[in-house]
Protein backbone atom coordinates (compact mmCIF):
# COMPACT_ATOMS: atom_id res chain seq x y z
CA MET A 1 -58.50 -13.86 -126.37
CA ALA A 2 -60.23 -11.77 -129.04
CA ARG A 3 -61.90 -13.64 -131.85
CA LYS A 4 -60.82 -13.15 -135.42
CA GLN A 5 -63.27 -10.86 -137.19
CA ILE A 6 -63.57 -10.08 -140.87
CA PRO A 7 -64.32 -6.36 -141.18
CA ALA A 8 -67.25 -5.09 -143.19
CA PRO A 9 -66.34 -3.82 -146.65
CA GLY A 10 -65.62 -0.15 -147.26
CA LYS A 11 -66.21 2.31 -150.06
CA LEU A 12 -63.55 2.71 -152.71
CA ILE A 13 -62.55 6.32 -153.23
CA CYS A 14 -59.98 7.42 -155.78
CA SER A 15 -58.04 10.61 -155.31
CA ILE A 16 -57.06 11.81 -158.78
CA ILE A 17 -54.49 14.53 -159.32
CA TYR A 18 -54.51 15.67 -162.92
CA SER A 19 -53.03 18.22 -165.28
CA SER A 20 -55.41 17.57 -168.17
CA MET A 21 -59.21 17.50 -168.10
CA ASP A 22 -59.14 15.05 -171.02
CA GLY A 23 -56.84 12.78 -169.00
CA LEU A 24 -59.21 12.96 -166.03
CA VAL A 25 -62.31 12.16 -168.11
CA ASP A 26 -60.59 9.23 -169.84
CA ALA A 27 -59.15 7.90 -166.57
CA VAL A 28 -62.57 8.01 -164.87
CA LYS A 29 -64.03 5.99 -167.76
CA VAL A 30 -61.36 3.31 -167.26
CA LEU A 31 -61.89 3.35 -163.49
CA GLU A 32 -65.65 2.90 -163.98
CA ASN A 33 -64.94 -0.01 -166.30
CA LYS A 34 -62.79 -1.63 -163.57
CA PHE A 35 -64.69 -0.69 -160.39
CA GLY A 36 -68.26 0.13 -161.42
CA ARG A 37 -70.29 3.30 -161.56
CA VAL A 38 -69.16 6.51 -159.84
CA GLU A 39 -71.53 7.43 -157.02
CA PHE A 40 -70.18 10.82 -155.90
CA GLU A 41 -67.42 13.21 -156.93
CA THR A 42 -66.03 16.50 -155.77
CA MET A 43 -65.52 19.63 -157.77
CA GLU A 44 -61.94 20.63 -158.55
CA ILE A 45 -59.74 21.05 -155.49
CA GLU A 46 -56.48 22.94 -155.83
CA THR A 47 -53.85 20.49 -154.63
CA SER A 48 -51.30 21.18 -151.93
CA GLU A 49 -49.06 18.45 -153.35
CA ALA A 50 -48.20 20.33 -156.55
CA LYS A 51 -44.48 20.56 -155.71
CA GLN A 52 -44.20 16.81 -155.28
CA TYR A 53 -45.66 16.09 -158.73
CA ARG A 54 -44.58 19.21 -160.67
CA GLU A 55 -41.57 17.66 -162.44
CA GLU A 56 -43.55 14.61 -163.49
CA MET A 57 -46.93 16.22 -164.22
CA GLY A 58 -46.40 19.94 -164.80
CA GLU A 59 -47.96 23.04 -163.25
CA ASN A 60 -51.55 23.90 -162.22
CA LEU A 61 -52.44 20.49 -160.84
CA ILE A 62 -55.97 19.82 -159.64
CA ARG A 63 -57.33 17.07 -157.38
CA ARG A 64 -60.73 15.45 -157.51
CA PHE A 65 -62.15 12.68 -155.32
CA ILE A 66 -64.56 10.11 -156.73
CA SER A 67 -66.39 7.29 -154.96
CA PHE A 68 -67.95 4.19 -156.44
CA GLU A 69 -71.35 2.63 -155.77
CA LYS A 70 -69.99 -0.81 -154.90
CA THR A 71 -68.15 -1.61 -151.70
CA VAL A 72 -64.77 -3.35 -151.65
CA ASN A 73 -63.11 -5.75 -149.24
CA ARG A 74 -60.62 -3.93 -147.08
CA ASN A 75 -57.92 -6.48 -147.80
CA SER A 76 -57.97 -5.45 -151.47
CA LEU A 77 -56.08 -2.19 -150.85
CA ALA A 78 -52.77 -3.40 -152.34
CA SER A 79 -54.37 -4.85 -155.47
CA LEU A 80 -56.41 -1.64 -155.94
CA LYS A 81 -53.19 0.41 -155.78
CA ASN A 82 -51.47 -1.83 -158.31
CA ILE A 83 -54.47 -1.67 -160.67
CA CYS A 84 -54.41 2.13 -160.48
CA ASN A 85 -50.66 2.15 -161.14
CA LYS A 86 -51.25 0.15 -164.33
CA ILE A 87 -53.92 2.62 -165.47
CA GLU A 88 -51.80 5.78 -165.07
CA PRO A 89 -49.31 5.16 -167.94
CA ASN A 90 -52.22 4.96 -170.39
CA PHE A 91 -52.62 8.71 -169.88
CA ALA A 92 -48.97 9.70 -170.09
CA ASP A 93 -46.64 11.05 -172.74
CA GLN A 94 -43.28 9.37 -173.30
CA ILE A 95 -40.54 11.96 -173.80
CA GLY A 96 -37.25 10.14 -174.27
CA ASP A 97 -36.81 7.96 -171.20
CA PHE A 98 -39.22 10.08 -169.17
CA LEU A 99 -42.91 9.30 -168.66
CA PHE A 100 -44.89 12.55 -168.27
CA ARG A 101 -48.11 11.58 -166.46
CA THR A 102 -51.34 13.54 -166.80
CA VAL A 103 -53.08 11.68 -163.95
CA ASN A 104 -52.05 10.28 -160.58
CA ILE A 105 -54.59 7.90 -159.02
CA ASP A 106 -54.47 6.97 -155.33
CA PRO A 107 -57.11 4.51 -154.13
CA CYS A 108 -58.51 4.87 -150.62
CA ILE A 109 -60.93 2.81 -148.60
CA LEU A 110 -63.48 4.68 -146.50
CA THR A 111 -65.01 2.88 -143.53
CA PRO A 112 -67.36 4.17 -140.84
CA ASP A 113 -64.25 4.82 -138.71
CA ASN A 114 -61.56 6.15 -141.05
CA LEU A 115 -60.16 6.83 -144.49
CA VAL A 116 -57.11 4.79 -145.47
CA ILE A 117 -54.97 5.63 -148.51
CA ALA A 118 -52.70 3.22 -150.37
CA THR A 119 -49.16 4.42 -151.01
CA HIS A 120 -45.78 3.07 -152.07
CA ARG A 121 -44.03 5.45 -149.67
CA GLU A 122 -42.66 4.17 -146.40
CA SER A 123 -42.89 6.53 -143.44
CA ASN A 124 -43.29 6.40 -139.69
CA CYS A 125 -47.10 6.67 -139.96
CA ASN A 126 -47.56 3.99 -142.65
CA VAL A 127 -48.05 0.28 -142.10
CA TYR A 128 -46.78 -2.18 -144.69
CA PHE A 129 -49.79 -3.89 -146.21
CA ASN A 130 -48.77 -6.19 -149.07
CA ASP A 131 -47.09 -6.29 -152.49
CA GLY A 132 -45.06 -3.09 -152.03
CA VAL A 133 -48.06 -1.13 -150.75
CA TYR A 134 -48.39 0.70 -147.44
CA ALA A 135 -51.60 1.76 -145.73
CA GLU A 136 -51.85 5.23 -144.22
CA ILE A 137 -54.80 6.49 -142.22
CA GLN A 138 -55.57 9.99 -143.50
CA LEU A 139 -58.70 10.74 -141.46
CA ILE A 140 -60.51 9.31 -138.46
CA TYR A 141 -64.22 9.67 -137.74
CA SER A 142 -64.71 11.13 -134.28
CA ARG A 143 -67.36 13.33 -132.66
CA ASN A 144 -69.61 13.24 -135.75
CA THR A 145 -67.06 14.29 -138.36
CA PHE A 146 -63.85 13.24 -140.06
CA ARG A 147 -60.77 14.62 -138.32
CA ARG A 148 -57.24 15.09 -139.55
CA LEU A 149 -54.12 13.53 -138.12
CA PRO A 150 -50.70 15.23 -137.88
CA TRP A 151 -49.65 13.76 -141.25
CA THR A 152 -52.95 14.21 -143.12
CA ILE A 153 -52.53 15.66 -146.61
CA PRO A 154 -54.20 19.12 -146.47
CA ASP A 155 -56.36 18.39 -149.55
CA TYR A 156 -58.06 15.59 -147.60
CA CYS A 157 -59.28 17.85 -144.81
CA ASN A 158 -60.57 20.97 -146.53
CA ASN A 159 -64.31 21.62 -146.18
CA GLU A 160 -65.28 20.24 -149.59
CA ALA A 161 -63.32 17.02 -149.06
CA ILE A 162 -64.73 16.47 -145.56
CA ASP A 163 -68.29 17.07 -146.84
CA PHE A 164 -67.63 14.56 -149.63
CA PHE A 165 -66.28 11.88 -147.26
CA GLU A 166 -69.23 12.39 -144.90
CA ARG A 167 -71.69 12.04 -147.80
CA VAL A 168 -70.01 8.78 -148.89
CA ARG A 169 -70.02 7.52 -145.30
CA LYS A 170 -73.71 8.35 -144.88
CA SER A 171 -74.54 6.55 -148.14
CA MET A 172 -72.53 3.50 -147.07
CA LEU A 173 -74.22 3.33 -143.67
CA SER A 174 -77.70 3.64 -145.19
CA GLU A 175 -76.85 0.79 -147.59
CA GLU A 176 -75.74 -1.37 -144.66
CA LYS A 177 -79.05 -0.73 -142.89
CA ALA A 178 -80.98 -1.56 -146.06
CA ILE A 179 -79.12 -4.87 -146.31
CA GLU A 180 -79.85 -5.68 -142.64
CA ILE A 181 -83.59 -5.12 -143.19
CA LEU A 182 -83.76 -7.54 -146.12
């Protein structure tokens, strides 16, 4: 029988879709206040999910990925998602009964083996995690790079995103080695 193992922590990455640069800047400040200093971030990535968010967030949506210096326990995925959900309305405009968001924040946990995103959507490739949150593997690390799966969101596997995830992974692995030496 296999022994119970507690996995090593992973790196918190937030995928932020935004319609307003001011909303992005303010949201990142709040995220840094909650999760610590940003370590890496991508440039603007045109998002493939614009249709999904258009009614709620408007046109010309952009995505940016940010990672944080500190690692997080992998079992914190649901609480990270719920924290991000509480942050989003702070950067929204109330129009009647409708909340028009300027940012959408999806937390992910990057490990040496994969990138897992937190979502509230149930689908055949998601596993229920906790507290209304599902876990979905977006990328796996195989043959020295991150690789997409059939359901991977296209924004997560373009060249800039893959380079970003590999840089975060390399940083995380070098930190683990530094800790082992001490």
